[in-house]
Amino acid sequence: SVGIYLAVGLVGIPVFAAGGGPAYLIRPTFGFLLG
């Protein structure tokens, strides 16, 4: 279920606290999403 949420955010849908998209992978706070 968390993996689905991460996938949706990484494809560009703004479901993360500061948006979304693949560029989020190099955002320092992405580690908390993996967490």
PDB file of all heavy atoms in Angstrom:
ATOM      1  N   SER A   1       0.834  -1.209   0.000  1.00  0.00           N
ATOM      2  CA  SER A   1       0.000   0.000   0.000  1.00  0.00           C
ATOM      3  C   SER A   1       0.867   1.256   0.000  1.00  0.00           C
ATOM      4  O   SER A   1       0.571   2.225  -0.717  1.00  0.00           O
ATOM      5  CB  SER A   1      -0.944   0.005   1.208  1.00  0.00           C
ATOM      6  OG  SER A   1      -0.253   0.230   2.409  1.00  0.00           O
ATOM      7  N   VAL A   2       1.961   1.247   0.778  1.00  0.00           N
ATOM      8  CA  VAL A   2       2.873   2.396   0.770  1.00  0.00           C
ATOM      9  C   VAL A   2       3.588   2.482  -0.577  1.00  0.00           C
ATOM     10  O   VAL A   2       3.807   3.579  -1.106  1.00  0.00           O
ATOM     11  CB  VAL A   2       3.898   2.289   1.920  1.00  0.00           C
ATOM     12  CG1 VAL A   2       4.906   3.430   1.832  1.00  0.00           C
ATOM     13  CG2 VAL A   2       3.198   2.325   3.266  1.00  0.00           C
ATOM     14  N   GLY A   3       3.944   1.325  -1.145  1.00  0.00           N
ATOM     15  CA  GLY A   3       4.583   1.320  -2.466  1.00  0.00           C
ATOM     16  C   GLY A   3       3.701   1.930  -3.530  1.00  0.00           C
ATOM     17  O   GLY A   3       4.180   2.647  -4.419  1.00  0.00           O
ATOM     18  N   ILE A   4       2.399   1.653  -3.460  1.00  0.00           N
ATOM     19  CA  ILE A   4       1.451   2.258  -4.408  1.00  0.00           C
ATOM     20  C   ILE A   4       1.463   3.774  -4.256  1.00  0.00           C
ATOM     21  O   ILE A   4       1.497   4.520  -5.249  1.00  0.00           O
ATOM     22  CB  ILE A   4       0.030   1.704  -4.174  1.00  0.00           C
ATOM     23  CG1 ILE A   4      -0.035   0.231  -4.553  1.00  0.00           C
ATOM     24  CG2 ILE A   4      -0.999   2.506  -4.974  1.00  0.00           C
ATOM     25  CD1 ILE A   4      -1.328  -0.444  -4.155  1.00  0.00           C
ATOM     26  N   TYR A   5       1.433   4.229  -3.020  1.00  0.00           N
ATOM     27  CA  TYR A   5       1.470   5.674  -2.754  1.00  0.00           C
ATOM     28  C   TYR A   5       2.737   6.305  -3.323  1.00  0.00           C
ATOM     29  O   TYR A   5       2.675   7.355  -3.978  1.00  0.00           O
ATOM     30  CB  TYR A   5       1.380   5.904  -1.246  1.00  0.00           C
ATOM     31  CG  TYR A   5       1.781   7.285  -0.808  1.00  0.00           C
ATOM     32  CD1 TYR A   5       1.003   8.394  -1.128  1.00  0.00           C
ATOM     33  CD2 TYR A   5       2.963   7.492  -0.085  1.00  0.00           C
ATOM     34  CE1 TYR A   5       1.380   9.669  -0.733  1.00  0.00           C
ATOM     35  CE2 TYR A   5       3.336   8.759   0.316  1.00  0.00           C
ATOM     36  CZ  TYR A   5       2.544   9.842  -0.008  1.00  0.00           C
ATOM     37  OH  TYR A   5       2.928  11.108   0.371  1.00  0.00           O
ATOM     38  N   LEU A   6       3.893   5.665  -3.105  1.00  0.00           N
ATOM     39  CA  LEU A   6       5.155   6.202  -3.624  1.00  0.00           C
ATOM     40  C   LEU A   6       5.163   6.227  -5.145  1.00  0.00           C
ATOM     41  O   LEU A   6       5.628   7.199  -5.760  1.00  0.00           O
ATOM     42  CB  LEU A   6       6.328   5.368  -3.108  1.00  0.00           C
ATOM     43  CG  LEU A   6       6.592   5.398  -1.600  1.00  0.00           C
ATOM     44  CD1 LEU A   6       7.763   4.490  -1.250  1.00  0.00           C
ATOM     45  CD2 LEU A   6       6.859   6.818  -1.114  1.00  0.00           C
ATOM     46  N   ALA A   7       4.664   5.160  -5.766  1.00  0.00           N
ATOM     47  CA  ALA A   7       4.644   5.096  -7.231  1.00  0.00           C
ATOM     48  C   ALA A   7       3.770   6.191  -7.817  1.00  0.00           C
ATOM     49  O   ALA A   7       4.133   6.838  -8.809  1.00  0.00           O
ATOM     50  CB  ALA A   7       4.147   3.723  -7.676  1.00  0.00           C
ATOM     51  N   VAL A   8       2.610   6.420  -7.204  1.00  0.00           N
ATOM     52  CA  VAL A   8       1.703   7.465  -7.681  1.00  0.00           C
ATOM     53  C   VAL A   8       2.379   8.832  -7.601  1.00  0.00           C
ATOM     54  O   VAL A   8       2.281   9.652  -8.529  1.00  0.00           O
ATOM     55  CB  VAL A   8       0.398   7.458  -6.849  1.00  0.00           C
ATOM     56  CG1 VAL A   8      -0.435   8.709  -7.134  1.00  0.00           C
ATOM     57  CG2 VAL A   8      -0.417   6.211  -7.159  1.00  0.00           C
ATOM     58  N   GLY A   9       3.088   9.082  -6.505  1.00  0.00           N
ATOM     59  CA  GLY A   9       3.773  10.363  -6.362  1.00  0.00           C
ATOM     60  C   GLY A   9       4.930  10.532  -7.324  1.00  0.00           C
ATOM     61  O   GLY A   9       5.137  11.618  -7.887  1.00  0.00           O
ATOM     62  N   LEU A  10       5.672   9.468  -7.554  1.00  0.00           N
ATOM     63  CA  LEU A  10       6.851   9.569  -8.414  1.00  0.00           C
ATOM     64  C   LEU A  10       6.498   9.736  -9.896  1.00  0.00           C
ATOM     65  O   LEU A  10       7.317  10.233 -10.668  1.00  0.00           O
ATOM     66  CB  LEU A  10       7.750   8.344  -8.230  1.00  0.00           C
ATOM     67  CG  LEU A  10       8.506   8.284  -6.897  1.00  0.00           C
ATOM     68  CD1 LEU A  10       9.255   6.962  -6.759  1.00  0.00           C
ATOM     69  CD2 LEU A  10       9.478   9.457  -6.766  1.00  0.00           C
ATOM     70  N   VAL A  11       5.307   9.308 -10.294  1.00  0.00           N
ATOM     71  CA  VAL A  11       4.924   9.520 -11.700  1.00  0.00           C
ATOM     72  C   VAL A  11       4.447  10.947 -11.948  1.00  0.00           C
ATOM     73  O   VAL A  11       4.204  11.326 -13.097  1.00  0.00           O
ATOM     74  CB  VAL A  11       3.841   8.517 -12.160  1.00  0.00           C
ATOM     75  CG1 VAL A  11       4.335   7.093 -12.070  1.00  0.00           C
ATOM     76  CG2 VAL A  11       2.551   8.705 -11.373  1.00  0.00           C
ATOM     77  N   GLY A  12       4.312  11.730 -10.890  1.00  0.00           N
ATOM     78  CA  GLY A  12       3.995  13.145 -11.090  1.00  0.00           C
ATOM     79  C   GLY A  12       2.746  13.652 -10.414  1.00  0.00           C
ATOM     80  O   GLY A  12       2.491  14.861 -10.408  1.00  0.00           O
ATOM     81  N   ILE A  13       1.938  12.763  -9.849  1.00  0.00           N
ATOM     82  CA  ILE A  13       0.730  13.222  -9.150  1.00  0.00           C
ATOM     83  C   ILE A  13       1.145  13.803  -7.804  1.00  0.00           C
ATOM     84  O   ILE A  13       1.870  13.154  -7.034  1.00  0.00           O
ATOM     85  CB  ILE A  13      -0.260  12.050  -8.965  1.00  0.00           C
ATOM     86  CG1 ILE A  13      -0.661  11.514 -10.336  1.00  0.00           C
ATOM     87  CG2 ILE A  13      -1.498  12.500  -8.185  1.00  0.00           C
ATOM     88  CD1 ILE A  13      -1.532  10.285 -10.299  1.00  0.00           C
ATOM     89  N   PRO A  14       0.737  15.017  -7.478  1.00  0.00           N
ATOM     90  CA  PRO A  14       1.239  15.714  -6.284  1.00  0.00           C
ATOM     91  C   PRO A  14       0.627  15.217  -4.973  1.00  0.00           C
ATOM     92  O   PRO A  14      -0.158  15.903  -4.320  1.00  0.00           O
ATOM     93  CB  PRO A  14       0.870  17.179  -6.551  1.00  0.00           C
ATOM     94  CG  PRO A  14      -0.356  17.086  -7.394  1.00  0.00           C
ATOM     95  CD  PRO A  14      -0.172  15.873  -8.275  1.00  0.00           C
ATOM     96  N   VAL A  15       1.007  14.009  -4.581  1.00  0.00           N
ATOM     97  CA  VAL A  15       0.477  13.433  -3.343  1.00  0.00           C
ATOM     98  C   VAL A  15       1.491  13.517  -2.196  1.00  0.00           C
ATOM     99  O   VAL A  15       1.174  13.125  -1.073  1.00  0.00           O
ATOM    100  CB  VAL A  15       0.053  11.962  -3.551  1.00  0.00           C
ATOM    101  CG1 VAL A  15      -1.144  11.874  -4.483  1.00  0.00           C
ATOM    102  CG2 VAL A  15       1.215  11.125  -4.069  1.00  0.00           C
ATOM    103  N   PHE A  16       2.700  14.000  -2.498  1.00  0.00           N
ATOM    104  CA  PHE A  16       3.681  14.193  -1.437  1.00  0.00           C
ATOM    105  C   PHE A  16       3.463  15.556  -0.788  1.00  0.00           C
ATOM    106  O   PHE A  16       2.791  16.426  -1.351  1.00  0.00           O
ATOM    107  CB  PHE A  16       5.104  14.100  -1.990  1.00  0.00           C
ATOM    108  CG  PHE A  16       5.436  12.769  -2.618  1.00  0.00           C
ATOM    109  CD1 PHE A  16       6.368  12.689  -3.648  1.00  0.00           C
ATOM    110  CD2 PHE A  16       4.833  11.599  -2.177  1.00  0.00           C
ATOM    111  CE1 PHE A  16       6.686  11.468  -4.226  1.00  0.00           C
ATOM    112  CE2 PHE A  16       5.142  10.377  -2.753  1.00  0.00           C
ATOM    113  CZ  PHE A  16       6.071  10.313  -3.785  1.00  0.00           C
ATOM    114  N   ALA A  17       4.058  15.766   0.360  1.00  0.00           N
ATOM    115  CA  ALA A  17       3.844  17.011   1.098  1.00  0.00           C
ATOM    116  C   ALA A  17       4.299  18.237   0.318  1.00  0.00           C
ATOM    117  O   ALA A  17       3.764  19.332   0.495  1.00  0.00           O
ATOM    118  CB  ALA A  17       4.569  16.945   2.439  1.00  0.00           C
ATOM    119  N   ALA A  18       5.296  18.062  -0.566  1.00  0.00           N
ATOM    120  CA  ALA A  18       5.788  19.198  -1.352  1.00  0.00           C
ATOM    121  C   ALA A  18       5.665  18.952  -2.846  1.00  0.00           C
ATOM    122  O   ALA A  18       6.453  19.452  -3.637  1.00  0.00           O
ATOM    123  CB  ALA A  18       7.240  19.495  -0.987  1.00  0.00           C
ATOM    124  N   GLY A  19       4.662  18.168  -3.255  1.00  0.00           N
ATOM    125  CA  GLY A  19       4.445  17.954  -4.682  1.00  0.00           C
ATOM    126  C   GLY A  19       4.586  16.509  -5.096  1.00  0.00           C
ATOM    127  O   GLY A  19       4.053  15.606  -4.452  1.00  0.00           O
ATOM    128  N   GLY A  20       5.314  16.273  -6.175  1.00  0.00           N
ATOM    129  CA  GLY A  20       5.502  14.926  -6.703  1.00  0.00           C
ATOM    130  C   GLY A  20       6.413  14.949  -7.908  1.00  0.00           C
ATOM    131  O   GLY A  20       6.962  15.991  -8.274  1.00  0.00           O
ATOM    132  N   GLY A  21       6.590  13.794  -8.553  1.00  0.00           N
ATOM    133  CA  GLY A  21       7.445  13.690  -9.728  1.00  0.00           C
ATOM    134  C   GLY A  21       8.749  12.961  -9.437  1.00  0.00           C
ATOM    135  O   GLY A  21       9.167  12.863  -8.271  1.00  0.00           O
ATOM    136  N   PRO A  22       9.417  12.450 -10.461  1.00  0.00           N
ATOM    137  CA  PRO A  22      10.664  11.689 -10.282  1.00  0.00           C
ATOM    138  C   PRO A  22      11.806  12.499  -9.669  1.00  0.00           C
ATOM    139  O   PRO A  22      12.718  11.936  -9.053  1.00  0.00           O
ATOM    140  CB  PRO A  22      11.017  11.227 -11.700  1.00  0.00           C
ATOM    141  CG  PRO A  22      10.252  12.141 -12.612  1.00  0.00           C
ATOM    142  CD  PRO A  22       9.014  12.502 -11.877  1.00  0.00           C
ATOM    143  N   ALA A  23      11.759  13.825  -9.817  1.00  0.00           N
ATOM    144  CA  ALA A  23      12.801  14.669  -9.224  1.00  0.00           C
ATOM    145  C   ALA A  23      12.807  14.584  -7.703  1.00  0.00           C
ATOM    146  O   ALA A  23      13.784  14.954  -7.055  1.00  0.00           O
ATOM    147  CB  ALA A  23      12.619  16.117  -9.673  1.00  0.00           C
ATOM    148  N   TYR A  24      11.727  14.082  -7.147  1.00  0.00           N
ATOM    149  CA  TYR A  24      11.632  13.934  -5.697  1.00  0.00           C
ATOM    150  C   TYR A  24      12.691  12.968  -5.161  1.00  0.00           C
ATOM    151  O   TYR A  24      13.045  13.000  -3.984  1.00  0.00           O
ATOM    152  CB  TYR A  24      10.239  13.436  -5.315  1.00  0.00           C
ATOM    153  CG  TYR A  24       9.609  14.193  -4.161  1.00  0.00           C
ATOM    154  CD1 TYR A  24       8.773  15.284  -4.394  1.00  0.00           C
ATOM    155  CD2 TYR A  24       9.850  13.823  -2.844  1.00  0.00           C
ATOM    156  CE1 TYR A  24       8.188  15.972  -3.339  1.00  0.00           C
ATOM    157  CE2 TYR A  24       9.273  14.516  -1.787  1.00  0.00           C
ATOM    158  CZ  TYR A  24       8.447  15.585  -2.037  1.00  0.00           C
ATOM    159  OH  TYR A  24       7.879  16.280  -0.997  1.00  0.00           O
ATOM    160  N   LEU A  25      13.185  12.092  -6.043  1.00  0.00           N
ATOM    161  CA  LEU A  25      14.206  11.124  -5.626  1.00  0.00           C
ATOM    162  C   LEU A  25      15.486  11.797  -5.134  1.00  0.00           C
ATOM    163  O   LEU A  25      16.212  11.239  -4.312  1.00  0.00           O
ATOM    164  CB  LEU A  25      14.529  10.169  -6.780  1.00  0.00           C
ATOM    165  CG  LEU A  25      13.450   9.141  -7.130  1.00  0.00           C
ATOM    166  CD1 LEU A  25      13.785   8.463  -8.449  1.00  0.00           C
ATOM    167  CD2 LEU A  25      13.309   8.114  -6.017  1.00  0.00           C
ATOM    168  N   ILE A  26      15.791  12.981  -5.651  1.00  0.00           N
ATOM    169  CA  ILE A  26      17.000  13.683  -5.207  1.00  0.00           C
ATOM    170  C   ILE A  26      16.667  14.809  -4.226  1.00  0.00           C
ATOM    171  O   ILE A  26      17.496  15.669  -3.959  1.00  0.00           O
ATOM    172  CB  ILE A  26      17.808  14.243  -6.395  1.00  0.00           C
ATOM    173  CG1 ILE A  26      16.982  15.209  -7.239  1.00  0.00           C
ATOM    174  CG2 ILE A  26      18.361  13.105  -7.259  1.00  0.00           C
ATOM    175  CD1 ILE A  26      17.790  15.954  -8.291  1.00  0.00           C
ATOM    176  N   ARG A  27      15.464  14.768  -3.714  1.00  0.00           N
ATOM    177  CA  ARG A  27      15.096  15.700  -2.644  1.00  0.00           C
ATOM    178  C   ARG A  27      15.509  15.051  -1.317  1.00  0.00           C
ATOM    179  O   ARG A  27      15.156  13.893  -1.058  1.00  0.00           O
ATOM    180  CB  ARG A  27      13.597  15.980  -2.671  1.00  0.00           C
ATOM    181  CG  ARG A  27      13.158  17.072  -1.706  1.00  0.00           C
ATOM    182  CD  ARG A  27      11.649  17.304  -1.805  1.00  0.00           C
ATOM    183  NE  ARG A  27      11.208  18.313  -0.843  1.00  0.00           N
ATOM    184  CZ  ARG A  27      11.163  19.602  -1.062  1.00  0.00           C
ATOM    185  NH1 ARG A  27      11.532  20.073  -2.247  1.00  0.00           N
ATOM    186  NH2 ARG A  27      10.754  20.444  -0.125  1.00  0.00           N
ATOM    187  N   PRO A  28      16.235  15.748  -0.467  1.00  0.00           N
ATOM    188  CA  PRO A  28      16.736  15.122   0.766  1.00  0.00           C
ATOM    189  C   PRO A  28      15.664  14.481   1.641  1.00  0.00           C
ATOM    190  O   PRO A  28      15.937  13.490   2.322  1.00  0.00           O
ATOM    191  CB  PRO A  28      17.421  16.288   1.484  1.00  0.00           C
ATOM    192  CG  PRO A  28      17.849  17.208   0.391  1.00  0.00           C
ATOM    193  CD  PRO A  28      16.755  17.115  -0.634  1.00  0.00           C
ATOM    194  N   THR A  29      14.466  15.018   1.614  1.00  0.00           N
ATOM    195  CA  THR A  29      13.414  14.486   2.491  1.00  0.00           C
ATOM    196  C   THR A  29      12.745  13.223   1.944  1.00  0.00           C
ATOM    197  O   THR A  29      11.876  12.645   2.612  1.00  0.00           O
ATOM    198  CB  THR A  29      12.336  15.553   2.727  1.00  0.00           C
ATOM    199  OG1 THR A  29      11.862  16.043   1.464  1.00  0.00           O
ATOM    200  CG2 THR A  29      12.899  16.720   3.536  1.00  0.00           C
ATOM    201  N   PHE A  30      13.133  12.771   0.753  1.00  0.00           N
ATOM    202  CA  PHE A  30      12.502  11.571   0.193  1.00  0.00           C
ATOM    203  C   PHE A  30      12.780  10.338   1.053  1.00  0.00           C
ATOM    204  O   PHE A  30      12.006   9.376   1.035  1.00  0.00           O
ATOM    205  CB  PHE A  30      12.985  11.325  -1.242  1.00  0.00           C
ATOM    206  CG  PHE A  30      12.292  10.164  -1.913  1.00  0.00           C
ATOM    207  CD1 PHE A  30      10.976  10.286  -2.330  1.00  0.00           C
ATOM    208  CD2 PHE A  30      12.947   8.952  -2.108  1.00  0.00           C
ATOM    209  CE1 PHE A  30      10.323   9.226  -2.940  1.00  0.00           C
ATOM    210  CE2 PHE A  30      12.306   7.884  -2.714  1.00  0.00           C
ATOM    211  CZ  PHE A  30      10.985   8.019  -3.128  1.00  0.00           C
ATOM    212  N   GLY A  31      13.855  10.348   1.795  1.00  0.00           N
ATOM    213  CA  GLY A  31      14.159   9.220   2.663  1.00  0.00           C
ATOM    214  C   GLY A  31      13.065   8.945   3.680  1.00  0.00           C
ATOM    215  O   GLY A  31      12.860   7.796   4.096  1.00  0.00           O
ATOM    216  N   PHE A  32      12.355   9.986   4.092  1.00  0.00           N
ATOM    217  CA  PHE A  32      11.247   9.778   5.022  1.00  0.00           C
ATOM    218  C   PHE A  32      10.080   9.074   4.338  1.00  0.00           C
ATOM    219  O   PHE A  32       9.381   8.269   4.970  1.00  0.00           O
ATOM    220  CB  PHE A  32      10.791  11.120   5.608  1.00  0.00           C
ATOM    221  CG  PHE A  32      11.775  11.703   6.582  1.00  0.00           C
ATOM    222  CD1 PHE A  32      12.642  12.718   6.188  1.00  0.00           C
ATOM    223  CD2 PHE A  32      11.866  11.224   7.876  1.00  0.00           C
ATOM    224  CE1 PHE A  32      13.566  13.252   7.078  1.00  0.00           C
ATOM    225  CE2 PHE A  32      12.777  11.744   8.777  1.00  0.00           C
ATOM    226  CZ  PHE A  32      13.636  12.757   8.378  1.00  0.00           C
ATOM    227  N   LEU A  33       9.877   9.355   3.059  1.00  0.00           N
ATOM    228  CA  LEU A  33       8.830   8.650   2.319  1.00  0.00           C
ATOM    229  C   LEU A  33       9.176   7.170   2.180  1.00  0.00           C
ATOM    230  O   LEU A  33       8.319   6.300   2.339  1.00  0.00           O
ATOM    231  CB  LEU A  33       8.640   9.290   0.944  1.00  0.00           C
ATOM    232  CG  LEU A  33       8.139  10.736   0.947  1.00  0.00           C
ATOM    233  CD1 LEU A  33       8.083  11.293  -0.472  1.00  0.00           C
ATOM    234  CD2 LEU A  33       6.783  10.828   1.609  1.00  0.00           C
ATOM    235  N   LEU A  34      10.440   6.868   1.901  1.00  0.00           N
ATOM    236  CA  LEU A  34      10.879   5.467   1.883  1.00  0.00           C
ATOM    237  C   LEU A  34      10.702   4.834   3.259  1.00  0.00           C
ATOM    238  O   LEU A  34      10.381   3.649   3.384  1.00  0.00           O
ATOM    239  CB  LEU A  34      12.346   5.384   1.468  1.00  0.00           C
ATOM    240  CG  LEU A  34      12.683   5.609  -0.007  1.00  0.00           C
ATOM    241  CD1 LEU A  34      14.195   5.539  -0.206  1.00  0.00           C
ATOM    242  CD2 LEU A  34      12.000   4.559  -0.879  1.00  0.00           C
ATOM    243  N   GLY A  35      10.922   5.637   4.281  1.00  0.00           N
ATOM    244  CA  GLY A  35      10.783   5.150   5.642  1.00  0.00           C
ATOM    245  C   GLY A  35       9.378   4.660   5.955  1.00  0.00           C
ATOM    246  O   GLY A  35       9.209   3.755   6.784  1.00  0.00           O
TER     247      GLY A  35
END
